[in-house]
């Protein structure tokens, strides 16, 4: 599941593919994206994945323009909180 692949109605589409998910690539766009930016609700995405008993890895793919030394730790903290429950 690449969370950045769906520009329109992302949650409906992520819900559709959730049962077949074996790996999650979570995109963040701090500082604005290179090609586009999405404001994704990762708590909602975590709930979708929890609903299909996903227990695999969640990797971070940072695509923003913000300094990665700042944005990557911020992204990891946000994802950790979203997927903690």
N, C-alpha and C. Protein backbone atom coordinates (compact mmCIF):
# COMPACT_ATOMS: atom_id res chain seq x y z
N UNK A 1 0.85 -1.17 0.00
CA UNK A 1 0.00 0.00 0.00
C UNK A 1 0.89 1.23 0.00
N UNK A 2 0.83 1.97 -1.08
CA UNK A 2 1.54 3.25 -1.16
C UNK A 2 0.50 4.34 -0.91
N UNK A 3 0.58 4.99 0.23
CA UNK A 3 -0.47 5.93 0.62
C UNK A 3 -0.55 7.16 -0.27
N UNK A 4 0.46 7.40 -1.06
CA UNK A 4 0.47 8.58 -1.92
C UNK A 4 0.01 8.32 -3.34
N UNK A 5 -0.47 7.14 -3.64
CA UNK A 5 -0.85 6.80 -5.02
C UNK A 5 -2.23 7.29 -5.42
N UNK A 6 -3.04 7.71 -4.47
CA UNK A 6 -4.43 8.06 -4.79
C UNK A 6 -4.68 9.53 -4.48
N UNK A 7 -4.78 10.32 -5.52
CA UNK A 7 -4.97 11.76 -5.34
C UNK A 7 -6.42 12.12 -5.05
N UNK A 8 -7.35 11.33 -5.53
CA UNK A 8 -8.78 11.58 -5.30
C UNK A 8 -9.36 10.43 -4.50
N UNK A 9 -10.17 10.75 -3.51
CA UNK A 9 -10.82 9.74 -2.66
C UNK A 9 -9.82 8.71 -2.13
N UNK A 10 -8.74 9.16 -1.52
CA UNK A 10 -7.71 8.18 -1.12
C UNK A 10 -8.20 7.15 -0.11
N UNK A 11 -9.06 7.53 0.81
CA UNK A 11 -9.45 6.59 1.86
C UNK A 11 -10.32 5.47 1.31
N UNK A 12 -11.20 5.78 0.38
CA UNK A 12 -12.01 4.74 -0.25
C UNK A 12 -11.12 3.75 -0.99
N UNK A 13 -10.12 4.26 -1.68
CA UNK A 13 -9.24 3.41 -2.46
C UNK A 13 -8.29 2.61 -1.56
N UNK A 14 -7.82 3.24 -0.49
CA UNK A 14 -6.98 2.50 0.46
C UNK A 14 -7.77 1.40 1.14
N UNK A 15 -9.04 1.67 1.41
CA UNK A 15 -9.92 0.65 2.00
C UNK A 15 -10.05 -0.54 1.05
N UNK A 16 -10.15 -0.26 -0.24
CA UNK A 16 -10.29 -1.33 -1.23
C UNK A 16 -9.07 -2.25 -1.27
N UNK A 17 -7.90 -1.68 -1.17
CA UNK A 17 -6.70 -2.50 -1.28
C UNK A 17 -6.21 -3.03 0.07
N UNK A 18 -6.75 -2.54 1.15
CA UNK A 18 -6.29 -2.93 2.49
C UNK A 18 -6.26 -4.44 2.72
N UNK A 19 -7.28 -5.19 2.30
CA UNK A 19 -7.24 -6.64 2.57
C UNK A 19 -6.07 -7.36 1.90
N UNK A 20 -5.49 -6.77 0.87
CA UNK A 20 -4.38 -7.41 0.16
C UNK A 20 -3.02 -6.81 0.52
N UNK A 21 -3.01 -5.92 1.47
CA UNK A 21 -1.78 -5.21 1.84
C UNK A 21 -0.80 -6.13 2.56
N UNK A 22 0.45 -6.13 2.08
CA UNK A 22 1.51 -6.90 2.73
C UNK A 22 2.64 -5.98 3.20
N UNK A 23 2.61 -4.70 2.79
CA UNK A 23 3.62 -3.73 3.16
C UNK A 23 3.03 -2.35 2.96
N UNK A 24 3.33 -1.41 3.85
CA UNK A 24 2.81 -0.05 3.75
C UNK A 24 3.96 0.93 3.54
N UNK A 25 3.81 1.75 2.53
CA UNK A 25 4.74 2.83 2.24
C UNK A 25 4.00 4.12 2.54
N UNK A 26 4.29 4.73 3.67
CA UNK A 26 3.58 5.92 4.13
C UNK A 26 4.33 7.17 3.69
N UNK A 27 3.68 7.98 2.90
CA UNK A 27 4.31 9.20 2.39
C UNK A 27 3.96 10.40 3.26
N UNK A 28 4.96 11.26 3.46
CA UNK A 28 4.72 12.55 4.11
C UNK A 28 5.32 13.64 3.22
N UNK A 29 4.78 14.83 3.36
CA UNK A 29 5.10 15.93 2.44
C UNK A 29 5.41 17.23 3.17
N UNK A 30 6.09 17.17 4.31
CA UNK A 30 6.39 18.41 5.04
C UNK A 30 7.17 19.37 4.14
N UNK A 31 6.74 20.61 4.12
CA UNK A 31 7.35 21.61 3.26
C UNK A 31 6.82 21.62 1.84
N UNK A 32 5.79 20.81 1.58
CA UNK A 32 5.23 20.71 0.25
C UNK A 32 5.93 19.64 -0.56
N UNK A 33 5.19 18.95 -1.38
CA UNK A 33 5.75 17.86 -2.17
C UNK A 33 6.46 18.33 -3.42
N UNK A 34 7.24 17.46 -3.98
CA UNK A 34 7.94 17.75 -5.23
C UNK A 34 6.97 17.85 -6.39
N UNK A 35 6.04 16.91 -6.49
CA UNK A 35 5.08 16.89 -7.60
C UNK A 35 3.67 17.22 -7.15
N UNK A 36 3.32 16.82 -5.95
CA UNK A 36 2.02 17.09 -5.36
C UNK A 36 2.14 16.88 -3.86
N UNK A 37 1.17 17.36 -3.12
CA UNK A 37 1.13 17.17 -1.67
C UNK A 37 -0.23 16.60 -1.29
N UNK A 38 -0.22 15.69 -0.36
CA UNK A 38 -1.46 15.16 0.19
C UNK A 38 -1.44 15.39 1.69
N UNK A 39 -2.58 15.77 2.24
CA UNK A 39 -2.71 15.92 3.68
C UNK A 39 -3.44 14.68 4.17
N UNK A 40 -2.69 13.63 4.44
CA UNK A 40 -3.28 12.34 4.77
C UNK A 40 -3.51 12.20 6.27
N UNK A 41 -4.63 11.60 6.60
CA UNK A 41 -5.00 11.34 7.99
C UNK A 41 -4.51 9.93 8.34
N UNK A 42 -3.34 9.86 8.94
CA UNK A 42 -2.75 8.56 9.21
C UNK A 42 -3.46 7.80 10.32
N UNK A 43 -4.13 8.47 11.22
CA UNK A 43 -4.94 7.76 12.21
C UNK A 43 -6.07 7.02 11.49
N UNK A 44 -6.65 7.65 10.49
CA UNK A 44 -7.71 7.02 9.69
C UNK A 44 -7.15 5.84 8.88
N UNK A 45 -5.98 6.01 8.32
CA UNK A 45 -5.35 4.93 7.55
C UNK A 45 -5.00 3.77 8.48
N UNK A 46 -4.50 4.07 9.67
CA UNK A 46 -4.18 3.02 10.64
C UNK A 46 -5.45 2.25 11.02
N UNK A 47 -6.55 2.95 11.15
CA UNK A 47 -7.83 2.29 11.48
C UNK A 47 -8.27 1.37 10.33
N UNK A 48 -8.10 1.82 9.10
CA UNK A 48 -8.43 0.99 7.94
C UNK A 48 -7.61 -0.29 7.98
N UNK A 49 -6.32 -0.16 8.24
CA UNK A 49 -5.44 -1.32 8.27
C UNK A 49 -5.73 -2.23 9.46
N UNK A 50 -6.05 -1.64 10.57
CA UNK A 50 -6.42 -2.42 11.75
C UNK A 50 -7.68 -3.26 11.47
N UNK A 51 -8.58 -2.69 10.69
CA UNK A 51 -9.83 -3.38 10.35
C UNK A 51 -9.62 -4.64 9.53
N UNK A 52 -8.46 -4.76 8.89
CA UNK A 52 -8.15 -5.98 8.12
C UNK A 52 -7.02 -6.76 8.79
N UNK A 53 -6.76 -6.43 10.06
CA UNK A 53 -5.75 -7.12 10.87
C UNK A 53 -4.35 -7.05 10.29
N UNK A 54 -4.01 -5.93 9.66
CA UNK A 54 -2.66 -5.75 9.13
C UNK A 54 -1.69 -5.67 10.29
N UNK A 55 -0.62 -6.43 10.23
CA UNK A 55 0.38 -6.41 11.31
C UNK A 55 1.80 -6.32 10.76
N UNK A 56 1.93 -5.88 9.53
CA UNK A 56 3.25 -5.79 8.90
C UNK A 56 3.93 -4.46 9.15
N UNK A 57 4.94 -4.23 8.36
CA UNK A 57 5.74 -3.02 8.49
C UNK A 57 5.06 -1.81 7.86
N UNK A 58 5.42 -0.64 8.40
CA UNK A 58 5.04 0.66 7.83
C UNK A 58 6.34 1.41 7.62
N UNK A 59 6.65 1.69 6.36
CA UNK A 59 7.88 2.42 6.07
C UNK A 59 7.54 3.87 5.73
N UNK A 60 8.49 4.74 5.97
CA UNK A 60 8.31 6.15 5.66
C UNK A 60 8.96 6.46 4.32
N UNK A 61 8.22 7.16 3.48
CA UNK A 61 8.78 7.70 2.25
C UNK A 61 8.54 9.21 2.29
N UNK A 62 9.57 9.95 2.63
CA UNK A 62 9.46 11.40 2.75
C UNK A 62 9.65 12.03 1.38
N UNK A 63 8.65 12.79 0.94
CA UNK A 63 8.72 13.45 -0.37
C UNK A 63 8.56 14.96 -0.27
N UNK A 64 8.79 15.52 0.89
CA UNK A 64 8.63 16.95 1.06
C UNK A 64 9.90 17.73 0.79
N UNK A 65 9.76 19.04 0.84
CA UNK A 65 10.88 19.94 0.57
C UNK A 65 11.54 20.44 1.86
N UNK A 66 10.91 20.16 3.01
CA UNK A 66 11.48 20.59 4.28
C UNK A 66 12.80 19.84 4.52
N UNK A 67 13.68 20.44 5.29
CA UNK A 67 14.95 19.81 5.63
C UNK A 67 14.67 18.41 6.21
N UNK A 68 15.21 17.36 5.59
CA UNK A 68 14.93 16.01 6.07
C UNK A 68 15.40 15.75 7.50
N UNK A 69 16.42 16.48 7.95
CA UNK A 69 16.87 16.31 9.33
C UNK A 69 15.78 16.70 10.32
N UNK A 70 14.87 17.54 9.90
CA UNK A 70 13.74 17.96 10.74
C UNK A 70 12.49 17.17 10.39
N UNK A 71 12.22 17.03 9.10
CA UNK A 71 10.96 16.44 8.64
C UNK A 71 10.88 14.93 8.85
N UNK A 72 11.98 14.22 8.71
CA UNK A 72 11.93 12.76 8.88
C UNK A 72 11.62 12.39 10.33
N UNK A 73 12.31 12.95 11.33
CA UNK A 73 11.92 12.64 12.71
C UNK A 73 10.47 13.04 13.02
N UNK A 74 10.05 14.18 12.48
CA UNK A 74 8.67 14.63 12.67
C UNK A 74 7.69 13.62 12.05
N UNK A 75 8.03 13.11 10.89
CA UNK A 75 7.19 12.13 10.20
C UNK A 75 7.13 10.83 11.00
N UNK A 76 8.26 10.38 11.48
CA UNK A 76 8.30 9.13 12.26
C UNK A 76 7.47 9.25 13.53
N UNK A 77 7.58 10.40 14.19
CA UNK A 77 6.79 10.61 15.40
C UNK A 77 5.29 10.59 15.09
N UNK A 78 4.89 11.26 14.03
CA UNK A 78 3.48 11.30 13.64
C UNK A 78 2.97 9.91 13.29
N UNK A 79 3.74 9.16 12.52
CA UNK A 79 3.32 7.80 12.15
C UNK A 79 3.28 6.87 13.36
N UNK A 80 4.25 7.01 14.24
CA UNK A 80 4.27 6.20 15.45
C UNK A 80 3.02 6.42 16.30
N UNK A 81 2.62 7.66 16.44
CA UNK A 81 1.40 7.97 17.19
C UNK A 81 0.17 7.41 16.49
N UNK A 82 0.11 7.56 15.18
CA UNK A 82 -1.07 7.12 14.43
C UNK A 82 -1.24 5.61 14.50
N UNK A 83 -0.14 4.87 14.45
CA UNK A 83 -0.21 3.42 14.41
C UNK A 83 -0.06 2.77 15.79
N UNK A 84 0.10 3.56 16.83
CA UNK A 84 0.29 3.02 18.17
C UNK A 84 -0.96 2.39 18.76
N UNK A 85 -2.11 2.89 18.37
CA UNK A 85 -3.33 2.39 19.02
C UNK A 85 -3.87 1.16 18.37
